[in-house]
Amino acid sequence: MDASDTKELRGDAPADLVQALDAFAQADGQSRNAYIVKVLLEHVKERAHKTSLSHRMLIGNPLYPESRRSEAK
């Protein structure tokens, strides 16, 4: 990933959380930012997988809004 494919991500977080993240990053030999990017990437991949699975399982279910998307109103 080159610099043109990145965006800045920052914000406040509880001090205890930041301390734990720093400890884990240091234990893995990474910077805080590199560690957080790794953790967030893993989370997003897992969440996307769950979302995809739910979508596939609910296609055709009348309670699922996506199933009614093509219906004319």
N, C-alpha and C. Protein backbone atom coordinates (compact mmCIF):
# COMPACT_ATOMS: atom_id res chain seq x y z
N MET A 1 0.85 -1.17 0.00
CA MET A 1 0.00 0.00 0.00
C MET A 1 0.89 1.23 0.00
N ASP A 2 0.72 2.08 -1.01
CA ASP A 2 1.54 3.29 -1.02
C ASP A 2 0.79 4.43 -0.34
N ALA A 3 1.48 5.52 -0.12
CA ALA A 3 0.93 6.64 0.65
C ALA A 3 -0.33 7.22 0.03
N SER A 4 -0.50 7.12 -1.27
CA SER A 4 -1.70 7.68 -1.90
C SER A 4 -2.94 6.85 -1.61
N ASP A 5 -2.75 5.63 -1.08
CA ASP A 5 -3.88 4.75 -0.75
C ASP A 5 -4.21 4.77 0.73
N THR A 6 -3.77 5.79 1.45
CA THR A 6 -4.00 5.83 2.88
C THR A 6 -4.75 7.11 3.27
N LYS A 7 -5.41 7.04 4.40
CA LYS A 7 -6.07 8.19 5.02
C LYS A 7 -5.67 8.22 6.47
N GLU A 8 -5.64 9.40 7.04
CA GLU A 8 -5.30 9.54 8.45
C GLU A 8 -6.49 9.11 9.30
N LEU A 9 -6.21 8.37 10.35
CA LEU A 9 -7.23 7.90 11.28
C LEU A 9 -6.75 8.25 12.68
N ARG A 10 -7.50 9.09 13.36
CA ARG A 10 -7.10 9.42 14.72
C ARG A 10 -8.31 9.85 15.53
N GLY A 11 -8.14 9.79 16.83
CA GLY A 11 -9.20 10.19 17.75
C GLY A 11 -8.81 9.81 19.16
N ASP A 12 -9.59 10.30 20.08
CA ASP A 12 -9.32 10.01 21.49
C ASP A 12 -9.80 8.61 21.84
N ALA A 13 -9.12 8.01 22.79
CA ALA A 13 -9.47 6.68 23.30
C ALA A 13 -9.13 6.65 24.78
N PRO A 14 -9.78 5.78 25.53
CA PRO A 14 -9.45 5.68 26.96
C PRO A 14 -7.97 5.34 27.17
N ALA A 15 -7.38 5.99 28.17
CA ALA A 15 -5.94 5.81 28.42
C ALA A 15 -5.57 4.36 28.67
N ASP A 16 -6.43 3.62 29.39
CA ASP A 16 -6.13 2.21 29.65
C ASP A 16 -6.08 1.39 28.36
N LEU A 17 -6.97 1.71 27.42
CA LEU A 17 -6.97 1.01 26.13
C LEU A 17 -5.69 1.32 25.36
N VAL A 18 -5.31 2.58 25.32
CA VAL A 18 -4.09 2.97 24.60
C VAL A 18 -2.87 2.30 25.22
N GLN A 19 -2.84 2.23 26.53
CA GLN A 19 -1.71 1.58 27.21
C GLN A 19 -1.64 0.11 26.83
N ALA A 20 -2.78 -0.56 26.79
CA ALA A 20 -2.80 -1.98 26.41
C ALA A 20 -2.38 -2.15 24.95
N LEU A 21 -2.89 -1.29 24.07
CA LEU A 21 -2.51 -1.37 22.65
C LEU A 21 -1.01 -1.16 22.48
N ASP A 22 -0.46 -0.19 23.20
CA ASP A 22 0.99 0.05 23.13
C ASP A 22 1.77 -1.17 23.60
N ALA A 23 1.30 -1.81 24.67
CA ALA A 23 1.99 -2.99 25.19
C ALA A 23 1.96 -4.13 24.17
N PHE A 24 0.80 -4.35 23.56
CA PHE A 24 0.68 -5.43 22.56
C PHE A 24 1.52 -5.12 21.33
N ALA A 25 1.50 -3.87 20.90
CA ALA A 25 2.29 -3.47 19.73
C ALA A 25 3.77 -3.67 20.00
N GLN A 26 4.20 -3.24 21.16
CA GLN A 26 5.62 -3.38 21.51
C GLN A 26 6.01 -4.85 21.58
N ALA A 27 5.14 -5.68 22.15
CA ALA A 27 5.43 -7.12 22.24
C ALA A 27 5.56 -7.75 20.86
N ASP A 28 4.80 -7.21 19.89
CA ASP A 28 4.87 -7.71 18.51
C ASP A 28 5.94 -7.01 17.68
N GLY A 29 6.65 -6.05 18.28
CA GLY A 29 7.69 -5.32 17.56
C GLY A 29 7.13 -4.37 16.52
N GLN A 30 5.95 -3.81 16.81
CA GLN A 30 5.31 -2.89 15.86
C GLN A 30 5.07 -1.55 16.51
N SER A 31 4.83 -0.56 15.67
CA SER A 31 4.39 0.74 16.18
C SER A 31 2.92 0.62 16.57
N ARG A 32 2.45 1.55 17.38
CA ARG A 32 1.04 1.55 17.76
C ARG A 32 0.16 1.58 16.51
N ASN A 33 0.48 2.47 15.58
CA ASN A 33 -0.34 2.60 14.37
C ASN A 33 -0.36 1.32 13.56
N ALA A 34 0.79 0.70 13.36
CA ALA A 34 0.85 -0.55 12.59
C ALA A 34 0.01 -1.63 13.27
N TYR A 35 0.10 -1.71 14.58
CA TYR A 35 -0.66 -2.71 15.32
C TYR A 35 -2.16 -2.45 15.20
N ILE A 36 -2.58 -1.20 15.35
CA ILE A 36 -4.00 -0.87 15.26
C ILE A 36 -4.53 -1.15 13.86
N VAL A 37 -3.75 -0.83 12.83
CA VAL A 37 -4.17 -1.13 11.46
C VAL A 37 -4.36 -2.63 11.28
N LYS A 38 -3.43 -3.42 11.82
CA LYS A 38 -3.53 -4.88 11.73
C LYS A 38 -4.81 -5.38 12.43
N VAL A 39 -5.06 -4.89 13.63
CA VAL A 39 -6.24 -5.31 14.39
C VAL A 39 -7.52 -4.90 13.68
N LEU A 40 -7.57 -3.66 13.19
CA LEU A 40 -8.77 -3.19 12.49
C LEU A 40 -9.01 -3.96 11.20
N LEU A 41 -7.95 -4.27 10.48
CA LEU A 41 -8.08 -5.03 9.24
C LEU A 41 -8.66 -6.42 9.52
N GLU A 42 -8.15 -7.08 10.56
CA GLU A 42 -8.69 -8.39 10.94
C GLU A 42 -10.16 -8.29 11.32
N HIS A 43 -10.52 -7.25 12.07
CA HIS A 43 -11.91 -7.06 12.49
C HIS A 43 -12.82 -6.83 11.28
N VAL A 44 -12.40 -5.98 10.36
CA VAL A 44 -13.22 -5.67 9.19
C VAL A 44 -13.40 -6.92 8.32
N LYS A 45 -12.35 -7.70 8.14
CA LYS A 45 -12.47 -8.94 7.35
C LYS A 45 -13.46 -9.90 8.00
N GLU A 46 -13.39 -10.05 9.33
CA GLU A 46 -14.31 -10.95 10.04
C GLU A 46 -15.74 -10.43 9.94
N ARG A 47 -15.93 -9.13 10.13
CA ARG A 47 -17.27 -8.54 10.06
C ARG A 47 -17.85 -8.65 8.66
N ALA A 48 -17.03 -8.42 7.64
CA ALA A 48 -17.49 -8.53 6.26
C ALA A 48 -17.89 -9.96 5.94
N HIS A 49 -17.14 -10.92 6.45
CA HIS A 49 -17.48 -12.33 6.25
C HIS A 49 -18.84 -12.65 6.88
N LYS A 50 -19.05 -12.20 8.11
CA LYS A 50 -20.32 -12.44 8.79
C LYS A 50 -21.48 -11.77 8.06
N THR A 51 -21.26 -10.56 7.58
CA THR A 51 -22.29 -9.84 6.84
C THR A 51 -22.63 -10.56 5.55
N SER A 52 -21.62 -11.02 4.84
CA SER A 52 -21.83 -11.75 3.59
C SER A 52 -22.59 -13.04 3.84
N LEU A 53 -22.20 -13.76 4.88
CA LEU A 53 -22.88 -15.01 5.21
C LEU A 53 -24.34 -14.76 5.56
N SER A 54 -24.60 -13.76 6.39
CA SER A 54 -25.98 -13.43 6.76
C SER A 54 -26.79 -13.06 5.52
N HIS A 55 -26.21 -12.26 4.65
CA HIS A 55 -26.92 -11.85 3.43
C HIS A 55 -27.31 -13.07 2.60
N ARG A 56 -26.37 -13.97 2.39
CA ARG A 56 -26.65 -15.16 1.57
C ARG A 56 -27.73 -16.03 2.21
N MET A 57 -27.70 -16.13 3.53
CA MET A 57 -28.67 -16.99 4.22
C MET A 57 -30.07 -16.38 4.26
N LEU A 58 -30.16 -15.06 4.13
CA LEU A 58 -31.46 -14.40 4.23
C LEU A 58 -32.10 -14.05 2.90
N ILE A 59 -31.41 -14.26 1.79
CA ILE A 59 -32.00 -13.99 0.49
C ILE A 59 -33.28 -14.81 0.35
N GLY A 60 -34.34 -14.12 -0.01
CA GLY A 60 -35.63 -14.78 -0.18
C GLY A 60 -36.49 -14.73 1.08
N ASN A 61 -35.92 -14.39 2.21
CA ASN A 61 -36.69 -14.28 3.45
C ASN A 61 -37.49 -12.99 3.38
N PRO A 62 -38.81 -13.05 3.54
CA PRO A 62 -39.63 -11.85 3.43
C PRO A 62 -39.33 -10.80 4.51
N LEU A 63 -38.68 -11.18 5.59
CA LEU A 63 -38.32 -10.22 6.63
C LEU A 63 -37.05 -9.45 6.31
N TYR A 64 -36.32 -9.89 5.30
CA TYR A 64 -35.05 -9.27 4.93
C TYR A 64 -35.29 -8.19 3.88
N PRO A 65 -34.96 -6.94 4.19
CA PRO A 65 -35.24 -5.84 3.25
C PRO A 65 -34.67 -6.04 1.85
N GLU A 66 -33.50 -6.66 1.75
CA GLU A 66 -32.90 -6.88 0.43
C GLU A 66 -33.79 -7.76 -0.45
N SER A 67 -34.59 -8.63 0.15
CA SER A 67 -35.46 -9.52 -0.61
C SER A 67 -36.59 -8.75 -1.27
N ARG A 68 -36.94 -7.59 -0.72
CA ARG A 68 -38.05 -6.80 -1.25
C ARG A 68 -37.55 -5.62 -2.08
N ARG A 69 -36.27 -5.53 -2.31
CA ARG A 69 -35.70 -4.37 -2.99
C ARG A 69 -36.28 -4.15 -4.38
N SER A 70 -36.52 -5.22 -5.13
CA SER A 70 -36.98 -5.06 -6.52
C SER A 70 -38.50 -4.93 -6.63
N GLU A 71 -39.22 -5.06 -5.53
CA GLU A 71 -40.67 -4.93 -5.57
C GLU A 71 -41.06 -3.49 -5.87
N ALA A 72 -42.03 -3.34 -6.76
CA ALA A 72 -42.53 -1.99 -7.08
C ALA A 72 -43.44 -1.52 -5.95
N LYS A 73 -43.37 -0.24 -5.66
CA LYS A 73 -44.22 0.31 -4.60
C LYS A 73 -45.24 1.25 -5.16
